[in-house]
Amino acid sequence: MLAITCPGQGAQKSGFLSSFLELDAFAAQIDELSSASGIDLRLHGTESDDETIKDTALAQPLLVASAIACAAELGVKADYVAGHSVGEIAAAQIAGIFTASDAMRFVSVRGAGMASAAAHTPTGMSAVVGGDPQDVLAAIEAAGASPANVNGGGQTVAAGSKESLDKLAENPPEKARVIALPVAGAFHTDFMAPATAELAATASALEIADPGTKILSNSDGTVVEDGQDYVGRLVKQVTNPVRWDLCQETLLNAGITGMIELVPGGTLTGIARRAMKGVETFAIKSAADLDGAREFAAAHA
């Protein structure tokens, strides 16, 4: 059985779309998605530096468009699809909940709203790698931060004010490392509350269908069969924690044998290697990986 996964913010890297834009169909879709989002995705996927694409209002549409175009180019039907944080929007399009243009409309409002919310107070996110899970949660709370992403595989992401994250870094949990992430806000916390009203209004105006592929929700790791329910969860997700650990648990219990991570791949497959023992993984990082990914899919789907 095969799962296709879509990475979240922080996975982007300068120039990561360069090889893909040599493919005519991929390039054409990126141009269509650029028009839908009002953002020059070619520019930001090839020439913009890491600091530029750290901007939430750019990073989120860029990541969603890249995953959508990559899935179309790959041409593989998975048994399950899931996305991490903003990757859930790409997963929704792949599963048939959103059209591609509506996915870009939704993510553009999300990215702009979260960027605006982040500008109110200096906030950020830090990965806590290793340590006892309970000790990690206690240290995050003691620092005044929140566990925004519980990823499994020994990784939890803390979010909060710069002061709280500095305090966490100065007092890390035993046997754990604290690593600042290239994101510009405390996502999945109450700091993002100002972004929800416009996102909910946008969602109400979109054409939403029920998924044609089993899709998992970051809220609790369950399979969601109702498209409206899923989109409602996407709105709430802006201020709620990402439970990627529960998504992985669901995939394991379902008997998944292979997991492909769409471009820019590497983050989720890295977590899976630690948390999903026995499941084979394939990360798509460049266009040269597509043929290998198709062979991998044929062996598992």
C-alpha atoms as a PDB file:
ATOM      1  CA  MET A   1       0.000   0.000   0.000  1.00  0.00           C
ATOM      2  CA  LEU A   2       1.211   3.473  -0.895  1.00  0.00           C
ATOM      3  CA  ALA A   3       0.930   6.885   0.765  1.00  0.00           C
ATOM      4  CA  ILE A   4       1.760  10.169  -0.936  1.00  0.00           C
ATOM      5  CA  THR A   5       2.721  13.003   1.423  1.00  0.00           C
ATOM      6  CA  CYS A   6       3.165  16.752   0.968  1.00  0.00           C
ATOM      7  CA  PRO A   7       5.743  18.663   3.039  1.00  0.00           C
ATOM      8  CA  GLY A   8       5.068  21.765   5.104  1.00  0.00           C
ATOM      9  CA  GLN A   9       6.668  25.165   5.498  1.00  0.00           C
ATOM     10  CA  GLY A  10      10.369  25.088   6.208  1.00  0.00           C
ATOM     11  CA  ALA A  11      10.999  22.412   3.550  1.00  0.00           C
ATOM     12  CA  GLN A  12      11.545  25.011   0.811  1.00  0.00           C
ATOM     13  CA  LYS A  13      15.068  25.583  -0.514  1.00  0.00           C
ATOM     14  CA  SER A  14      16.407  28.131  -2.952  1.00  0.00           C
ATOM     15  CA  GLY A  15      16.241  26.852  -6.542  1.00  0.00           C
ATOM     16  CA  PHE A  16      14.347  23.657  -5.726  1.00  0.00           C
ATOM     17  CA  LEU A  17      12.069  23.940  -8.782  1.00  0.00           C
ATOM     18  CA  SER A  18      14.799  24.527 -11.366  1.00  0.00           C
ATOM     19  CA  SER A  19      14.976  20.978 -12.735  1.00  0.00           C
ATOM     20  CA  PHE A  20      11.183  20.529 -12.735  1.00  0.00           C
ATOM     21  CA  LEU A  21      10.611  23.632 -14.840  1.00  0.00           C
ATOM     22  CA  GLU A  22      12.467  21.933 -17.687  1.00  0.00           C
ATOM     23  CA  LEU A  23       9.393  19.655 -17.978  1.00  0.00           C
ATOM     24  CA  ASP A  24       6.795  21.267 -20.237  1.00  0.00           C
ATOM     25  CA  ALA A  25       3.671  20.038 -18.444  1.00  0.00           C
ATOM     26  CA  PHE A  26       5.051  20.893 -15.016  1.00  0.00           C
ATOM     27  CA  ALA A  27       6.090  24.364 -16.163  1.00  0.00           C
ATOM     28  CA  ALA A  28       2.676  24.986 -17.732  1.00  0.00           C
ATOM     29  CA  GLN A  29       0.917  24.043 -14.513  1.00  0.00           C
ATOM     30  CA  ILE A  30       3.200  26.249 -12.423  1.00  0.00           C
ATOM     31  CA  ASP A  31       2.316  29.143 -14.729  1.00  0.00           C
ATOM     32  CA  GLU A  32      -1.411  28.419 -14.248  1.00  0.00           C
ATOM     33  CA  LEU A  33      -0.974  28.245 -10.484  1.00  0.00           C
ATOM     34  CA  SER A  34       1.031  31.471 -10.554  1.00  0.00           C
ATOM     35  CA  SER A  35      -1.914  33.169 -12.226  1.00  0.00           C
ATOM     36  CA  ALA A  36      -4.314  31.740  -9.635  1.00  0.00           C
ATOM     37  CA  SER A  37      -2.168  32.938  -6.732  1.00  0.00           C
ATOM     38  CA  GLY A  38      -0.908  36.212  -8.155  1.00  0.00           C
ATOM     39  CA  ILE A  39       2.654  35.158  -7.293  1.00  0.00           C
ATOM     40  CA  ASP A  40       5.555  34.535  -9.675  1.00  0.00           C
ATOM     41  CA  LEU A  41       6.199  30.940  -8.657  1.00  0.00           C
ATOM     42  CA  ARG A  42       8.827  30.421 -11.358  1.00  0.00           C
ATOM     43  CA  LEU A  43      10.903  33.256  -9.939  1.00  0.00           C
ATOM     44  CA  HIS A  44      10.591  32.153  -6.331  1.00  0.00           C
ATOM     45  CA  GLY A  45      11.184  28.492  -7.137  1.00  0.00           C
ATOM     46  CA  THR A  46      14.375  29.145  -9.074  1.00  0.00           C
ATOM     47  CA  GLU A  47      16.051  32.501  -8.425  1.00  0.00           C
ATOM     48  CA  SER A  48      14.866  33.788  -5.046  1.00  0.00           C
ATOM     49  CA  ASP A  49      17.186  33.127  -2.118  1.00  0.00           C
ATOM     50  CA  ASP A  50      16.332  31.276   1.078  1.00  0.00           C
ATOM     51  CA  GLU A  51      15.638  34.467   3.006  1.00  0.00           C
ATOM     52  CA  THR A  52      13.124  35.631   0.395  1.00  0.00           C
ATOM     53  CA  ILE A  53      11.159  32.388   0.304  1.00  0.00           C
ATOM     54  CA  LYS A  54      11.114  32.235   4.088  1.00  0.00           C
ATOM     55  CA  ASP A  55       8.340  34.847   3.809  1.00  0.00           C
ATOM     56  CA  THR A  56       5.156  33.022   4.793  1.00  0.00           C
ATOM     57  CA  ALA A  57       3.085  34.767   2.122  1.00  0.00           C
ATOM     58  CA  LEU A  58       5.443  33.358  -0.545  1.00  0.00           C
ATOM     59  CA  ALA A  59       6.506  30.056   0.984  1.00  0.00           C
ATOM     60  CA  GLN A  60       3.031  28.625   1.472  1.00  0.00           C
ATOM     61  CA  PRO A  61       1.708  29.131  -2.083  1.00  0.00           C
ATOM     62  CA  LEU A  62       5.072  28.012  -3.484  1.00  0.00           C
ATOM     63  CA  LEU A  63       5.032  24.755  -1.526  1.00  0.00           C
ATOM     64  CA  VAL A  64       1.405  23.942  -2.341  1.00  0.00           C
ATOM     65  CA  ALA A  65       1.827  24.693  -6.051  1.00  0.00           C
ATOM     66  CA  SER A  66       4.998  22.607  -6.206  1.00  0.00           C
ATOM     67  CA  ALA A  67       3.336  19.580  -4.624  1.00  0.00           C
ATOM     68  CA  ILE A  68       0.257  19.882  -6.861  1.00  0.00           C
ATOM     69  CA  ALA A  69       2.350  20.101 -10.030  1.00  0.00           C
ATOM     70  CA  CYS A  70       4.631  17.298  -8.853  1.00  0.00           C
ATOM     71  CA  ALA A  71       1.687  14.971  -8.169  1.00  0.00           C
ATOM     72  CA  ALA A  72       0.276  15.671 -11.627  1.00  0.00           C
ATOM     73  CA  GLU A  73       3.657  15.015 -13.254  1.00  0.00           C
ATOM     74  CA  LEU A  74       4.143  11.833 -11.236  1.00  0.00           C
ATOM     75  CA  GLY A  75       0.753  10.483 -12.330  1.00  0.00           C
ATOM     76  CA  VAL A  76       0.409   7.963  -9.512  1.00  0.00           C
ATOM     77  CA  LYS A  77      -2.755   6.976  -7.615  1.00  0.00           C
ATOM     78  CA  ALA A  78      -2.039   6.415  -3.932  1.00  0.00           C
ATOM     79  CA  ASP A  79      -4.008   4.490  -1.326  1.00  0.00           C
ATOM     80  CA  TYR A  80      -3.632   7.371   1.141  1.00  0.00           C
ATOM     81  CA  VAL A  81      -2.630  11.016   0.883  1.00  0.00           C
ATOM     82  CA  ALA A  82      -1.589  13.362   3.678  1.00  0.00           C
ATOM     83  CA  GLY A  83       0.090  16.724   4.074  1.00  0.00           C
ATOM     84  CA  HIS A  84       1.997  18.329   6.904  1.00  0.00           C
ATOM     85  CA  SER A  85       0.552  21.707   7.934  1.00  0.00           C
ATOM     86  CA  VAL A  86       0.242  23.792   4.740  1.00  0.00           C
ATOM     87  CA  GLY A  87       0.923  20.566   2.840  1.00  0.00           C
ATOM     88  CA  GLU A  88      -2.618  19.537   3.780  1.00  0.00           C
ATOM     89  CA  ILE A  89      -3.914  22.004   1.181  1.00  0.00           C
ATOM     90  CA  ALA A  90      -1.942  20.288  -1.577  1.00  0.00           C
ATOM     91  CA  ALA A  91      -3.128  16.926  -0.255  1.00  0.00           C
ATOM     92  CA  ALA A  92      -6.715  18.187  -0.446  1.00  0.00           C
ATOM     93  CA  GLN A  93      -6.272  19.082  -4.102  1.00  0.00           C
ATOM     94  CA  ILE A  94      -4.644  15.737  -4.896  1.00  0.00           C
ATOM     95  CA  ALA A  95      -7.530  13.939  -3.179  1.00  0.00           C
ATOM     96  CA  GLY A  96     -10.083  15.955  -5.174  1.00  0.00           C
ATOM     97  CA  ILE A  97     -11.455  18.207  -2.408  1.00  0.00           C
ATOM     98  CA  PHE A  98     -10.184  21.414  -4.063  1.00  0.00           C
ATOM     99  CA  THR A  99      -9.616  22.366  -7.673  1.00  0.00           C
ATOM    100  CA  ALA A 100      -6.056  23.507  -8.282  1.00  0.00           C
ATOM    101  CA  SER A 101      -7.087  27.154  -8.635  1.00  0.00           C
ATOM    102  CA  ASP A 102      -9.177  27.044  -5.447  1.00  0.00           C
ATOM    103  CA  ALA A 103      -6.303  25.422  -3.560  1.00  0.00           C
ATOM    104  CA  MET A 104      -4.105  28.342  -4.602  1.00  0.00           C
ATOM    105  CA  ARG A 105      -6.769  30.870  -3.655  1.00  0.00           C
ATOM    106  CA  PHE A 106      -7.125  29.256  -0.229  1.00  0.00           C
ATOM    107  CA  VAL A 107      -3.394  28.984   0.462  1.00  0.00           C
ATOM    108  CA  SER A 108      -2.724  32.545  -0.709  1.00  0.00           C
ATOM    109  CA  VAL A 109      -5.222  33.885   1.832  1.00  0.00           C
ATOM    110  CA  ARG A 110      -3.768  31.574   4.489  1.00  0.00           C
ATOM    111  CA  GLY A 111      -0.185  32.618   3.807  1.00  0.00           C
ATOM    112  CA  ALA A 112      -0.940  36.330   3.706  1.00  0.00           C
ATOM    113  CA  GLY A 113      -3.065  36.141   6.844  1.00  0.00           C
ATOM    114  CA  MET A 114      -0.472  34.205   8.800  1.00  0.00           C
ATOM    115  CA  ALA A 115       2.289  36.547   7.642  1.00  0.00           C
ATOM    116  CA  SER A 116       0.244  39.505   8.838  1.00  0.00           C
ATOM    117  CA  ALA A 117      -0.457  37.817  12.178  1.00  0.00           C
ATOM    118  CA  ALA A 118       3.225  37.010  12.603  1.00  0.00           C
ATOM    119  CA  ALA A 119       4.156  40.660  12.028  1.00  0.00           C
ATOM    120  CA  HIS A 120       2.356  41.741  15.196  1.00  0.00           C
ATOM    121  CA  THR A 121       4.855  40.079  17.554  1.00  0.00           C
ATOM    122  CA  PRO A 122       8.331  38.598  16.961  1.00  0.00           C
ATOM    123  CA  THR A 123       7.644  34.866  17.050  1.00  0.00           C
ATOM    124  CA  GLY A 124       9.061  31.707  15.551  1.00  0.00           C
ATOM    125  CA  MET A 125       9.426  27.940  15.757  1.00  0.00           C
ATOM    126  CA  SER A 126      12.185  25.574  16.887  1.00  0.00           C
ATOM    127  CA  ALA A 127      12.505  21.827  16.444  1.00  0.00           C
ATOM    128  CA  VAL A 128      13.305  19.814  19.538  1.00  0.00           C
ATOM    129  CA  VAL A 129      15.053  16.618  18.460  1.00  0.00           C
ATOM    130  CA  GLY A 130      15.597  13.736  20.858  1.00  0.00           C
ATOM    131  CA  GLY A 131      14.880  13.532  24.558  1.00  0.00           C
ATOM    132  CA  ASP A 132      12.061  11.874  26.438  1.00  0.00           C
ATOM    133  CA  PRO A 133       8.715  13.018  24.940  1.00  0.00           C
ATOM    134  CA  GLN A 134       7.286  14.011  28.308  1.00  0.00           C
ATOM    135  CA  ASP A 135      10.457  15.893  29.258  1.00  0.00           C
ATOM    136  CA  VAL A 136      10.306  17.715  25.917  1.00  0.00           C
ATOM    137  CA  LEU A 137       6.703  18.813  26.426  1.00  0.00           C
ATOM    138  CA  ALA A 138       7.502  19.931  29.975  1.00  0.00           C
ATOM    139  CA  ALA A 139      10.509  21.971  28.809  1.00  0.00           C
ATOM    140  CA  ILE A 140       8.462  23.643  26.062  1.00  0.00           C
ATOM    141  CA  GLU A 141       5.757  24.584  28.554  1.00  0.00           C
ATOM    142  CA  ALA A 142       8.320  25.809  31.100  1.00  0.00           C
ATOM    143  CA  ALA A 143       9.810  28.119  28.474  1.00  0.00           C
ATOM    144  CA  GLY A 144       6.401  29.626  27.759  1.00  0.00           C
ATOM    145  CA  ALA A 145       6.122  28.116  24.276  1.00  0.00           C
ATOM    146  CA  SER A 146       3.638  25.641  22.766  1.00  0.00           C
ATOM    147  CA  PRO A 147       4.082  22.231  21.088  1.00  0.00           C
ATOM    148  CA  ALA A 148       2.898  23.291  17.625  1.00  0.00           C
ATOM    149  CA  ASN A 149       3.933  20.159  15.726  1.00  0.00           C
ATOM    150  CA  VAL A 150       4.131  16.743  17.360  1.00  0.00           C
ATOM    151  CA  ASN A 151       5.888  14.891  14.566  1.00  0.00           C
ATOM    152  CA  GLY A 152       6.897  11.581  16.121  1.00  0.00           C
ATOM    153  CA  GLY A 153      10.248   9.981  15.544  1.00  0.00           C
ATOM    154  CA  GLY A 154      11.746  12.013  18.379  1.00  0.00           C
ATOM    155  CA  GLN A 155      10.824  15.418  16.968  1.00  0.00           C
ATOM    156  CA  THR A 156       8.513  18.040  18.430  1.00  0.00           C
ATOM    157  CA  VAL A 157       8.343  21.616  17.156  1.00  0.00           C
ATOM    158  CA  ALA A 158       7.893  24.394  19.683  1.00  0.00           C
ATOM    159  CA  ALA A 159       6.335  27.716  18.730  1.00  0.00           C
ATOM    160  CA  GLY A 160       6.084  30.987  20.585  1.00  0.00           C
ATOM    161  CA  SER A 161       7.664  34.348  21.191  1.00  0.00           C
ATOM    162  CA  LYS A 162      11.343  34.844  20.416  1.00  0.00           C
ATOM    163  CA  GLU A 163      11.960  35.169  24.150  1.00  0.00           C
ATOM    164  CA  SER A 164      10.343  31.808  24.911  1.00  0.00           C
ATOM    165  CA  LEU A 165      12.274  30.055  22.143  1.00  0.00           C
ATOM    166  CA  ASP A 166      15.540  31.602  23.326  1.00  0.00           C
ATOM    167  CA  LYS A 167      14.748  30.363  26.837  1.00  0.00           C
ATOM    168  CA  LEU A 168      14.079  26.857  25.467  1.00  0.00           C
ATOM    169  CA  ALA A 169      17.373  26.874  23.576  1.00  0.00           C
ATOM    170  CA  GLU A 170      19.216  27.932  26.717  1.00  0.00           C
ATOM    171  CA  ASN A 171      17.525  25.188  28.763  1.00  0.00           C
ATOM    172  CA  PRO A 172      17.003  22.254  26.387  1.00  0.00           C
ATOM    173  CA  PRO A 173      15.481  18.987  27.583  1.00  0.00           C
ATOM    174  CA  GLU A 174      17.964  16.324  28.607  1.00  0.00           C
ATOM    175  CA  LYS A 175      19.460  14.496  25.588  1.00  0.00           C
ATOM    176  CA  ALA A 176      17.715  16.848  23.141  1.00  0.00           C
ATOM    177  CA  ARG A 177      18.785  19.511  20.660  1.00  0.00           C
ATOM    178  CA  VAL A 178      16.862  22.706  19.917  1.00  0.00           C
ATOM    179  CA  ILE A 179      17.115  23.878  16.294  1.00  0.00           C
ATOM    180  CA  ALA A 180      15.624  27.170  15.076  1.00  0.00           C
ATOM    181  CA  LEU A 181      13.492  26.718  11.936  1.00  0.00           C
ATOM    182  CA  PRO A 182      13.356  28.998   8.850  1.00  0.00           C
ATOM    183  CA  VAL A 183       9.784  30.147   9.428  1.00  0.00           C
ATOM    184  CA  ALA A 184       8.557  33.618  10.269  1.00  0.00           C
ATOM    185  CA  GLY A 185       5.928  33.016  12.935  1.00  0.00           C
ATOM    186  CA  ALA A 186       4.496  30.890  15.745  1.00  0.00           C
ATOM    187  CA  PHE A 187       2.253  28.821  13.499  1.00  0.00           C
ATOM    188  CA  HIS A 188      -0.435  26.559  14.954  1.00  0.00           C
ATOM    189  CA  THR A 189      -0.761  28.666  18.092  1.00  0.00           C
ATOM    190  CA  ASP A 190      -3.098  31.430  19.252  1.00  0.00           C
ATOM    191  CA  PHE A 191      -0.645  33.955  17.768  1.00  0.00           C
ATOM    192  CA  MET A 192      -2.244  33.071  14.410  1.00  0.00           C
ATOM    193  CA  ALA A 193      -5.842  33.777  15.483  1.00  0.00           C
ATOM    194  CA  PRO A 194      -6.113  36.990  13.384  1.00  0.00           C
ATOM    195  CA  ALA A 195      -5.700  34.884  10.224  1.00  0.00           C
ATOM    196  CA  THR A 196      -8.744  32.660  10.705  1.00  0.00           C
ATOM    197  CA  ALA A 197     -11.712  34.937   9.934  1.00  0.00           C
ATOM    198  CA  GLU A 198     -10.752  35.759   6.345  1.00  0.00           C
ATOM    199  CA  LEU A 199      -9.687  32.161   5.721  1.00  0.00           C
ATOM    200  CA  ALA A 200     -13.069  30.885   6.895  1.00  0.00           C
ATOM    201  CA  ALA A 201     -14.817  33.400   4.634  1.00  0.00           C
ATOM    202  CA  THR A 202     -12.679  32.288   1.686  1.00  0.00           C
ATOM    203  CA  ALA A 203     -13.439  28.627   2.386  1.00  0.00           C
ATOM    204  CA  SER A 204     -17.184  29.307   2.364  1.00  0.00           C
ATOM    205  CA  ALA A 205     -16.945  30.660  -1.188  1.00  0.00           C
ATOM    206  CA  LEU A 206     -15.063  27.695  -2.666  1.00  0.00           C
ATOM    207  CA  GLU A 207     -16.384  24.653  -4.498  1.00  0.00           C
ATOM    208  CA  ILE A 208     -15.626  21.727  -2.198  1.00  0.00           C
ATOM    209  CA  ALA A 209     -16.004  18.034  -3.059  1.00  0.00           C
ATOM    210  CA  ASP A 210     -15.662  14.868  -1.012  1.00  0.00           C
ATOM    211  CA  PRO A 211     -12.249  13.225  -1.390  1.00  0.00           C
ATOM    212  CA  GLY A 212     -11.725  10.491  -3.952  1.00  0.00           C
ATOM    213  CA  THR A 213      -8.666   9.179  -2.102  1.00  0.00           C
ATOM    214  CA  LYS A 214      -8.345   8.452   1.611  1.00  0.00           C
ATOM    215  CA  ILE A 215      -6.960  11.614   3.202  1.00  0.00           C
ATOM    216  CA  LEU A 216      -5.678  12.101   6.743  1.00  0.00           C
ATOM    217  CA  SER A 217      -6.216  15.114   8.990  1.00  0.00           C
ATOM    218  CA  ASN A 218      -3.420  16.692  11.002  1.00  0.00           C
ATOM    219  CA  SER A 219      -5.878  17.427  13.803  1.00  0.00           C
ATOM    220  CA  ASP A 220      -6.167  13.823  14.961  1.00  0.00           C
ATOM    221  CA  GLY A 221      -4.648  11.568  12.295  1.00  0.00           C
ATOM    222  CA  THR A 222      -8.008  10.181  11.161  1.00  0.00           C
ATOM    223  CA  VAL A 223      -9.298   9.546   7.638  1.00  0.00           C
ATOM    224  CA  VAL A 224     -11.794  12.293   6.721  1.00  0.00           C
ATOM    225  CA  GLU A 225     -14.494  11.346   4.223  1.00  0.00           C
ATOM    226  CA  ASP A 226     -16.396  14.640   4.073  1.00  0.00           C
ATOM    227  CA  GLY A 227     -14.832  17.485   2.087  1.00  0.00           C
ATOM    228  CA  GLN A 228     -16.569  20.239   4.047  1.00  0.00           C
ATOM    229  CA  ASP A 229     -15.370  18.706   7.307  1.00  0.00           C
ATOM    230  CA  TYR A 230     -11.823  18.545   5.985  1.00  0.00           C
ATOM    231  CA  VAL A 231     -11.789  22.186   4.894  1.00  0.00           C
ATOM    232  CA  GLY A 232     -13.249  23.219   8.245  1.00  0.00           C
ATOM    233  CA  ARG A 233     -10.340  21.436   9.879  1.00  0.00           C
ATOM    234  CA  LEU A 234      -7.924  23.325   7.628  1.00  0.00           C
ATOM    235  CA  VAL A 235      -9.267  26.632   8.948  1.00  0.00           C
ATOM    236  CA  LYS A 236      -8.974  25.508  12.575  1.00  0.00           C
ATOM    237  CA  GLN A 237      -5.529  24.067  11.924  1.00  0.00           C
ATOM    238  CA  VAL A 238      -4.048  27.571  11.690  1.00  0.00           C
ATOM    239  CA  THR A 239      -4.230  27.865  15.478  1.00  0.00           C
ATOM    240  CA  ASN A 240      -4.215  24.159  16.424  1.00  0.00           C
ATOM    241  CA  PRO A 241      -1.260  21.767  16.785  1.00  0.00           C
ATOM    242  CA  VAL A 242      -0.204  19.483  13.939  1.00  0.00           C
ATOM    243  CA  ARG A 243      -0.367  15.859  15.060  1.00  0.00           C
ATOM    244  CA  TRP A 244       1.793  14.277  12.380  1.00  0.00           C
ATOM    245  CA  ASP A 245       2.624  11.517  14.844  1.00  0.00           C
ATOM    246  CA  LEU A 246      -1.020  10.414  14.720  1.00  0.00           C
ATOM    247  CA  CYS A 247      -1.061  10.550  10.908  1.00  0.00           C
ATOM    248  CA  GLN A 248       1.946   8.221  10.827  1.00  0.00           C
ATOM    249  CA  GLU A 249       0.262   5.931  13.352  1.00  0.00           C
ATOM    250  CA  THR A 250      -2.819   5.692  11.118  1.00  0.00           C
ATOM    251  CA  LEU A 251      -0.682   4.857   8.087  1.00  0.00           C
ATOM    252  CA  LEU A 252       1.165   2.162  10.023  1.00  0.00           C
ATOM    253  CA  ASN A 253      -2.080   0.629  11.274  1.00  0.00           C
ATOM    254  CA  ALA A 254      -3.455   0.692   7.706  1.00  0.00           C
ATOM    255  CA  GLY A 255      -0.544  -1.443   6.515  1.00  0.00           C
ATOM    256  CA  ILE A 256       1.269   1.134   4.386  1.00  0.00           C
ATOM    257  CA  THR A 257       4.442  -0.347   2.898  1.00  0.00           C
ATOM    258  CA  GLY A 258       5.737   2.679   0.945  1.00  0.00           C
ATOM    259  CA  MET A 259       5.631   6.451   1.314  1.00  0.00           C
ATOM    260  CA  ILE A 260       6.509   9.028  -1.346  1.00  0.00           C
ATOM    261  CA  GLU A 261       7.180  12.619  -0.298  1.00  0.00           C
ATOM    262  CA  LEU A 262       6.554  15.158  -3.038  1.00  0.00           C
ATOM    263  CA  VAL A 263       8.910  18.020  -3.813  1.00  0.00           C
ATOM    264  CA  PRO A 264      10.699  19.460  -1.894  1.00  0.00           C
ATOM    265  CA  GLY A 265      11.086  16.024  -0.338  1.00  0.00           C
ATOM    266  CA  GLY A 266      13.254  14.949   2.555  1.00  0.00           C
ATOM    267  CA  THR A 267      11.670  16.238   5.763  1.00  0.00           C
ATOM    268  CA  LEU A 268       8.745  13.823   6.128  1.00  0.00           C
ATOM    269  CA  THR A 269      10.670  10.817   4.828  1.00  0.00           C
ATOM    270  CA  GLY A 270      13.376  11.624   7.380  1.00  0.00           C
ATOM    271  CA  ILE A 271      10.829  11.552  10.195  1.00  0.00           C
ATOM    272  CA  ALA A 272       9.268   8.367   8.778  1.00  0.00           C
ATOM    273  CA  ARG A 273      12.576   6.522   8.794  1.00  0.00           C
ATOM    274  CA  ARG A 274      12.645   6.995  12.565  1.00  0.00           C
ATOM    275  CA  ALA A 275       8.934   6.666  13.354  1.00  0.00           C
ATOM    276  CA  MET A 276       7.640   4.199  10.729  1.00  0.00           C
ATOM    277  CA  LYS A 277      10.036   1.282  10.930  1.00  0.00           C
ATOM    278  CA  GLY A 278       9.580  -1.202   8.081  1.00  0.00           C
ATOM    279  CA  VAL A 279       7.971   1.340   5.739  1.00  0.00           C
ATOM    280  CA  GLU A 280      10.058   2.160   2.673  1.00  0.00           C
ATOM    281  CA  THR A 281      10.340   5.846   1.733  1.00  0.00           C
ATOM    282  CA  PHE A 282      11.109   7.862  -1.393  1.00  0.00           C
ATOM    283  CA  ALA A 283      11.740  11.615  -1.379  1.00  0.00           C
ATOM    284  CA  ILE A 284      11.334  13.550  -4.631  1.00  0.00           C
ATOM    285  CA  LYS A 285      13.967  16.286  -4.604  1.00  0.00           C
ATOM    286  CA  SER A 286      14.550  16.910  -8.311  1.00  0.00           C
ATOM    287  CA  ALA A 287      12.996  15.990 -11.654  1.00  0.00           C
ATOM    288  CA  ALA A 288      15.551  13.199 -11.961  1.00  0.00           C
ATOM    289  CA  ASP A 289      13.743  11.391  -9.123  1.00  0.00           C
ATOM    290  CA  LEU A 290      10.405  11.073 -10.945  1.00  0.00           C
ATOM    291  CA  ASP A 291      11.109   7.836 -12.815  1.00  0.00           C
ATOM    292  CA  GLY A 292      12.394   6.227  -9.634  1.00  0.00           C
ATOM    293  CA  ALA A 293       9.309   7.418  -7.784  1.00  0.00           C
ATOM    294  CA  ARG A 294       7.045   5.821 -10.414  1.00  0.00           C
ATOM    295  CA  GLU A 295       8.906   2.511 -10.071  1.00  0.00           C
ATOM    296  CA  PHE A 296       8.649   2.803  -6.284  1.00  0.00           C
ATOM    297  CA  ALA A 297       4.917   3.454  -6.532  1.00  0.00           C
ATOM    298  CA  ALA A 298       4.403   0.462  -8.827  1.00  0.00           C
ATOM    299  CA  ALA A 299       6.010  -1.751  -6.200  1.00  0.00           C
ATOM    300  CA  HIS A 300       3.724  -0.519  -3.411  1.00  0.00           C
ATOM    301  CA  ALA A 301       0.410   0.787  -4.777  1.00  0.00           C
END
